Amino acid sequence: MAKSPEPKTETLAETENYLVWNAEEPDGETTYHVELGSVTVHFFKEEWEEFLELVHALEG
């Protein structure tokens, strides 16, 4: 059985306790991941864009 290709990942931001990264999946979809301690939140592109709007609303 052929092995599925691994997604290409990139760290977008990192602190001592938190990590945000994305993955280019083999099917062409980009997913985003926010690691908050023992919890990881996964987003598809459209969800990620909405989440960023929410975070930017906190700034102002």
PDB file of N, CA and C in Angstrom:
ATOM      1  N   MET A   1       0.847  -1.180   0.000  1.00  0.00           N
ATOM      2  CA  MET A   1       0.000   0.000   0.000  1.00  0.00           C
ATOM      3  C   MET A   1       0.887   1.234   0.000  1.00  0.00           C
ATOM      4  N   ALA A   2       0.566   2.200  -0.869  1.00  0.00           N
ATOM      5  CA  ALA A   2       1.348   3.428  -0.976  1.00  0.00           C
ATOM      6  C   ALA A   2       1.105   4.320   0.238  1.00  0.00           C
ATOM      7  N   LYS A   3       2.173   4.915   0.721  1.00  0.00           N
ATOM      8  CA  LYS A   3       2.068   5.812   1.872  1.00  0.00           C
ATOM      9  C   LYS A   3       1.578   7.181   1.411  1.00  0.00           C
ATOM     10  N   SER A   4       0.633   7.768   2.144  1.00  0.00           N
ATOM     11  CA  SER A   4       0.129   9.102   1.828  1.00  0.00           C
ATOM     12  C   SER A   4       1.231  10.130   2.065  1.00  0.00           C
ATOM     13  N   PRO A   5       1.313  11.138   1.198  1.00  0.00           N
ATOM     14  CA  PRO A   5       2.318  12.180   1.432  1.00  0.00           C
ATOM     15  C   PRO A   5       2.017  12.945   2.715  1.00  0.00           C
ATOM     16  N   GLU A   6       3.065  13.358   3.383  1.00  0.00           N
ATOM     17  CA  GLU A   6       2.918  14.128   4.614  1.00  0.00           C
ATOM     18  C   GLU A   6       2.580  15.578   4.271  1.00  0.00           C
ATOM     19  N   PRO A   7       1.757  16.230   5.102  1.00  0.00           N
ATOM     20  CA  PRO A   7       1.476  17.646   4.855  1.00  0.00           C
ATOM     21  C   PRO A   7       2.728  18.493   5.103  1.00  0.00           C
ATOM     22  N   LYS A   8       2.831  19.599   4.374  1.00  0.00           N
ATOM     23  CA  LYS A   8       3.920  20.551   4.588  1.00  0.00           C
ATOM     24  C   LYS A   8       3.458  21.523   5.661  1.00  0.00           C
ATOM     25  N   THR A   9       4.197  21.635   6.760  1.00  0.00           N
ATOM     26  CA  THR A   9       3.790  22.492   7.870  1.00  0.00           C
ATOM     27  C   THR A   9       4.716  23.700   7.994  1.00  0.00           C
ATOM     28  N   GLU A  10       4.159  24.759   8.590  1.00  0.00           N
ATOM     29  CA  GLU A  10       4.917  25.983   8.829  1.00  0.00           C
ATOM     30  C   GLU A  10       4.452  26.596  10.140  1.00  0.00           C
ATOM     31  N   THR A  11       5.385  26.934  11.015  1.00  0.00           N
ATOM     32  CA  THR A  11       5.056  27.630  12.243  1.00  0.00           C
ATOM     33  C   THR A  11       4.817  29.099  11.913  1.00  0.00           C
ATOM     34  N   LEU A  12       3.657  29.614  12.324  1.00  0.00           N
ATOM     35  CA  LEU A  12       3.292  31.006  12.050  1.00  0.00           C
ATOM     36  C   LEU A  12       3.638  31.926  13.210  1.00  0.00           C
ATOM     37  N   ALA A  13       3.498  31.433  14.433  1.00  0.00           N
ATOM     38  CA  ALA A  13       3.821  32.217  15.629  1.00  0.00           C
ATOM     39  C   ALA A  13       4.015  31.257  16.787  1.00  0.00           C
ATOM     40  N   GLU A  14       4.887  31.651  17.722  1.00  0.00           N
ATOM     41  CA  GLU A  14       5.164  30.773  18.858  1.00  0.00           C
ATOM     42  C   GLU A  14       5.595  31.603  20.051  1.00  0.00           C
ATOM     43  N   THR A  15       5.084  31.246  21.217  1.00  0.00           N
ATOM     44  CA  THR A  15       5.552  31.808  22.477  1.00  0.00           C
ATOM     45  C   THR A  15       5.998  30.632  23.339  1.00  0.00           C
ATOM     46  N   GLU A  16       6.322  30.914  24.569  1.00  0.00           N
ATOM     47  CA  GLU A  16       6.756  29.838  25.464  1.00  0.00           C
ATOM     48  C   GLU A  16       5.663  28.787  25.658  1.00  0.00           C
ATOM     49  N   ASN A  17       4.384  29.222  25.667  1.00  0.00           N
ATOM     50  CA  ASN A  17       3.287  28.302  25.972  1.00  0.00           C
ATOM     51  C   ASN A  17       2.330  28.030  24.817  1.00  0.00           C
ATOM     52  N   TYR A  18       2.405  28.789  23.739  1.00  0.00           N
ATOM     53  CA  TYR A  18       1.425  28.674  22.657  1.00  0.00           C
ATOM     54  C   TYR A  18       2.111  28.545  21.303  1.00  0.00           C
ATOM     55  N   LEU A  19       1.391  27.931  20.377  1.00  0.00           N
ATOM     56  CA  LEU A  19       1.934  27.714  19.037  1.00  0.00           C
ATOM     57  C   LEU A  19       0.813  27.804  18.017  1.00  0.00           C
ATOM     58  N   VAL A  20       1.074  28.505  16.907  1.00  0.00           N
ATOM     59  CA  VAL A  20       0.133  28.569  15.790  1.00  0.00           C
ATOM     60  C   VAL A  20       0.887  28.100  14.553  1.00  0.00           C
ATOM     61  N   TRP A  21       0.310  27.122  13.855  1.00  0.00           N
ATOM     62  CA  TRP A  21       0.954  26.595  12.657  1.00  0.00           C
ATOM     63  C   TRP A  21      -0.085  26.237  11.617  1.00  0.00           C
ATOM     64  N   ASN A  22       0.375  26.109  10.361  1.00  0.00           N
ATOM     65  CA  ASN A  22      -0.540  25.673   9.322  1.00  0.00           C
ATOM     66  C   ASN A  22       0.035  24.462   8.616  1.00  0.00           C
ATOM     67  N   ALA A  23      -0.828  23.783   7.884  1.00  0.00           N
ATOM     68  CA  ALA A  23      -0.417  22.599   7.134  1.00  0.00           C
ATOM     69  C   ALA A  23      -1.058  22.633   5.760  1.00  0.00           C
ATOM     70  N   GLU A  24      -0.248  22.424   4.752  1.00  0.00           N
ATOM     71  CA  GLU A  24      -0.765  22.252   3.400  1.00  0.00           C
ATOM     72  C   GLU A  24      -1.003  20.754   3.238  1.00  0.00           C
ATOM     73  N   GLU A  25      -2.271  20.382   3.252  1.00  0.00           N
ATOM     74  CA  GLU A  25      -2.651  18.976   3.201  1.00  0.00           C
ATOM     75  C   GLU A  25      -2.449  18.410   1.792  1.00  0.00           C
ATOM     76  N   PRO A  26      -2.270  17.099   1.667  1.00  0.00           N
ATOM     77  CA  PRO A  26      -2.076  16.485   0.347  1.00  0.00           C
ATOM     78  C   PRO A  26      -3.219  16.746  -0.634  1.00  0.00           C
ATOM     79  N   ASP A  27      -4.428  16.994  -0.121  1.00  0.00           N
ATOM     80  CA  ASP A  27      -5.575  17.248  -1.004  1.00  0.00           C
ATOM     81  C   ASP A  27      -5.674  18.706  -1.451  1.00  0.00           C
ATOM     82  N   GLY A  28      -4.687  19.545  -1.060  1.00  0.00           N
ATOM     83  CA  GLY A  28      -4.671  20.942  -1.460  1.00  0.00           C
ATOM     84  C   GLY A  28      -5.285  21.893  -0.449  1.00  0.00           C
ATOM     85  N   GLU A  29      -5.956  21.375   0.561  1.00  0.00           N
ATOM     86  CA  GLU A  29      -6.565  22.205   1.607  1.00  0.00           C
ATOM     87  C   GLU A  29      -5.477  22.693   2.559  1.00  0.00           C
ATOM     88  N   THR A  30      -5.591  23.939   3.010  1.00  0.00           N
ATOM     89  CA  THR A  30      -4.709  24.462   4.051  1.00  0.00           C
ATOM     90  C   THR A  30      -5.488  24.490   5.350  1.00  0.00           C
ATOM     91  N   THR A  31      -4.907  23.908   6.385  1.00  0.00           N
ATOM     92  CA  THR A  31      -5.532  23.930   7.701  1.00  0.00           C
ATOM     93  C   THR A  31      -4.636  24.717   8.652  1.00  0.00           C
ATOM     94  N   TYR A  32      -5.269  25.292   9.681  1.00  0.00           N
ATOM     95  CA  TYR A  32      -4.568  26.113  10.667  1.00  0.00           C
ATOM     96  C   TYR A  32      -4.816  25.504  12.040  1.00  0.00           C
ATOM     97  N   HIS A  33      -3.805  25.577  12.901  1.00  0.00           N
ATOM     98  CA  HIS A  33      -3.857  24.906  14.195  1.00  0.00           C
ATOM     99  C   HIS A  33      -3.328  25.851  15.263  1.00  0.00           C
ATOM    100  N   VAL A  34      -4.079  25.974  16.352  1.00  0.00           N
ATOM    101  CA  VAL A  34      -3.679  26.807  17.484  1.00  0.00           C
ATOM    102  C   VAL A  34      -3.528  25.877  18.673  1.00  0.00           C
ATOM    103  N   GLU A  35      -2.314  25.734  19.177  1.00  0.00           N
ATOM    104  CA  GLU A  35      -2.046  24.891  20.336  1.00  0.00           C
ATOM    105  C   GLU A  35      -1.997  25.765  21.579  1.00  0.00           C
ATOM    106  N   LEU A  36      -2.912  25.493  22.504  1.00  0.00           N
ATOM    107  CA  LEU A  36      -3.030  26.247  23.754  1.00  0.00           C
ATOM    108  C   LEU A  36      -2.848  25.262  24.903  1.00  0.00           C
ATOM    109  N   GLY A  37      -1.600  25.017  25.272  1.00  0.00           N
ATOM    110  CA  GLY A  37      -1.344  24.020  26.297  1.00  0.00           C
ATOM    111  C   GLY A  37      -1.736  22.647  25.792  1.00  0.00           C
ATOM    112  N   SER A  38      -2.657  21.984  26.502  1.00  0.00           N
ATOM    113  CA  SER A  38      -3.069  20.632  26.121  1.00  0.00           C
ATOM    114  C   SER A  38      -4.228  20.613  25.134  1.00  0.00           C
ATOM    115  N   VAL A  39      -4.657  21.777  24.660  1.00  0.00           N
ATOM    116  CA  VAL A  39      -5.779  21.884  23.724  1.00  0.00           C
ATOM    117  C   VAL A  39      -5.264  22.389  22.377  1.00  0.00           C
ATOM    118  N   THR A  40      -5.694  21.736  21.305  1.00  0.00           N
ATOM    119  CA  THR A  40      -5.391  22.213  19.960  1.00  0.00           C
ATOM    120  C   THR A  40      -6.705  22.471  19.237  1.00  0.00           C
ATOM    121  N   VAL A  41      -6.822  23.661  18.654  1.00  0.00           N
ATOM    122  CA  VAL A  41      -8.008  24.043  17.880  1.00  0.00           C
ATOM    123  C   VAL A  41      -7.614  24.005  16.410  1.00  0.00           C
ATOM    124  N   HIS A  42      -8.420  23.316  15.591  1.00  0.00           N
ATOM    125  CA  HIS A  42      -8.138  23.154  14.170  1.00  0.00           C
ATOM    126  C   HIS A  42      -9.131  23.985  13.360  1.00  0.00           C
ATOM    127  N   PHE A  43      -8.635  24.668  12.325  1.00  0.00           N
ATOM    128  CA  PHE A  43      -9.476  25.515  11.477  1.00  0.00           C
ATOM    129  C   PHE A  43      -9.230  25.201  10.007  1.00  0.00           C
ATOM    130  N   PHE A  44     -10.295  25.207   9.209  1.00  0.00           N
ATOM    131  CA  PHE A  44     -10.146  25.259   7.759  1.00  0.00           C
ATOM    132  C   PHE A  44      -9.936  26.725   7.397  1.00  0.00           C
ATOM    133  N   LYS A  45      -9.525  27.014   6.172  1.00  0.00           N
ATOM    134  CA  LYS A  45      -9.164  28.370   5.755  1.00  0.00           C
ATOM    135  C   LYS A  45     -10.251  29.396   6.055  1.00  0.00           C
ATOM    136  N   GLU A  46     -11.499  29.093   5.698  1.00  0.00           N
ATOM    137  CA  GLU A  46     -12.593  30.042   5.918  1.00  0.00           C
ATOM    138  C   GLU A  46     -12.807  30.303   7.416  1.00  0.00           C
ATOM    139  N   GLU A  47     -12.704  29.261   8.225  1.00  0.00           N
ATOM    140  CA  GLU A  47     -12.849  29.408   9.672  1.00  0.00           C
ATOM    141  C   GLU A  47     -11.701  30.230  10.243  1.00  0.00           C
ATOM    142  N   TRP A  48     -10.495  29.995   9.729  1.00  0.00           N
ATOM    143  CA  TRP A  48      -9.319  30.725  10.183  1.00  0.00           C
ATOM    144  C   TRP A  48      -9.465  32.217   9.926  1.00  0.00           C
ATOM    145  N   GLU A  49      -9.951  32.569   8.731  1.00  0.00           N
ATOM    146  CA  GLU A  49     -10.141  33.976   8.399  1.00  0.00           C
ATOM    147  C   GLU A  49     -11.152  34.631   9.336  1.00  0.00           C
ATOM    148  N   GLU A  50     -12.216  33.926   9.672  1.00  0.00           N
ATOM    149  CA  GLU A  50     -13.201  34.464  10.620  1.00  0.00           C
ATOM    150  C   GLU A  50     -12.599  34.593  12.017  1.00  0.00           C
ATOM    151  N   PHE A  51     -11.796  33.616  12.429  1.00  0.00           N
ATOM    152  CA  PHE A  51     -11.138  33.666  13.730  1.00  0.00           C
ATOM    153  C   PHE A  51     -10.201  34.876  13.808  1.00  0.00           C
ATOM    154  N   LEU A  52      -9.449  35.158  12.728  1.00  0.00           N
ATOM    155  CA  LEU A  52      -8.578  36.325  12.718  1.00  0.00           C
ATOM    156  C   LEU A  52      -9.372  37.619  12.833  1.00  0.00           C
ATOM    157  N   GLU A  53     -10.527  37.699  12.203  1.00  0.00           N
ATOM    158  CA  GLU A  53     -11.389  38.869  12.343  1.00  0.00           C
ATOM    159  C   GLU A  53     -11.793  39.048  13.804  1.00  0.00           C
ATOM    160  N   LEU A  54     -12.113  37.953  14.463  1.00  0.00           N
ATOM    161  CA  LEU A  54     -12.493  37.997  15.888  1.00  0.00           C
ATOM    162  C   LEU A  54     -11.334  38.513  16.734  1.00  0.00           C
ATOM    163  N   VAL A  55     -10.136  38.005  16.493  1.00  0.00           N
ATOM    164  CA  VAL A  55      -8.969  38.423  17.263  1.00  0.00           C
ATOM    165  C   VAL A  55      -8.662  39.906  17.017  1.00  0.00           C
ATOM    166  N   HIS A  56      -8.773  40.346  15.767  1.00  0.00           N
ATOM    167  CA  HIS A  56      -8.519  41.765  15.457  1.00  0.00           C
ATOM    168  C   HIS A  56      -9.573  42.663  16.122  1.00  0.00           C
ATOM    169  N   ALA A  57     -10.784  42.186  16.279  1.00  0.00           N
ATOM    170  CA  ALA A  57     -11.820  42.972  16.954  1.00  0.00           C
ATOM    171  C   ALA A  57     -11.466  43.197  18.432  1.00  0.00           C
ATOM    172  N   LEU A  58     -10.719  42.293  19.017  1.00  0.00           N
ATOM    173  CA  LEU A  58     -10.285  42.448  20.414  1.00  0.00           C
ATOM    174  C   LEU A  58      -9.290  43.595  20.559  1.00  0.00           C
ATOM    175  N   GLU A  59      -8.553  43.880  19.519  1.00  0.00           N
ATOM    176  CA  GLU A  59      -7.499  44.903  19.572  1.00  0.00           C
ATOM    177  C   GLU A  59      -8.061  46.311  19.606  1.00  0.00           C
ATOM    178  N   GLY A  60      -9.247  46.516  19.053  1.00  0.00           N
ATOM    179  CA  GLY A  60      -9.729  47.884  18.930  1.00  0.00           C
ATOM    180  C   GLY A  60     -10.995  48.068  19.637  1.00  0.00           C
TER     181      GLY A  60
END
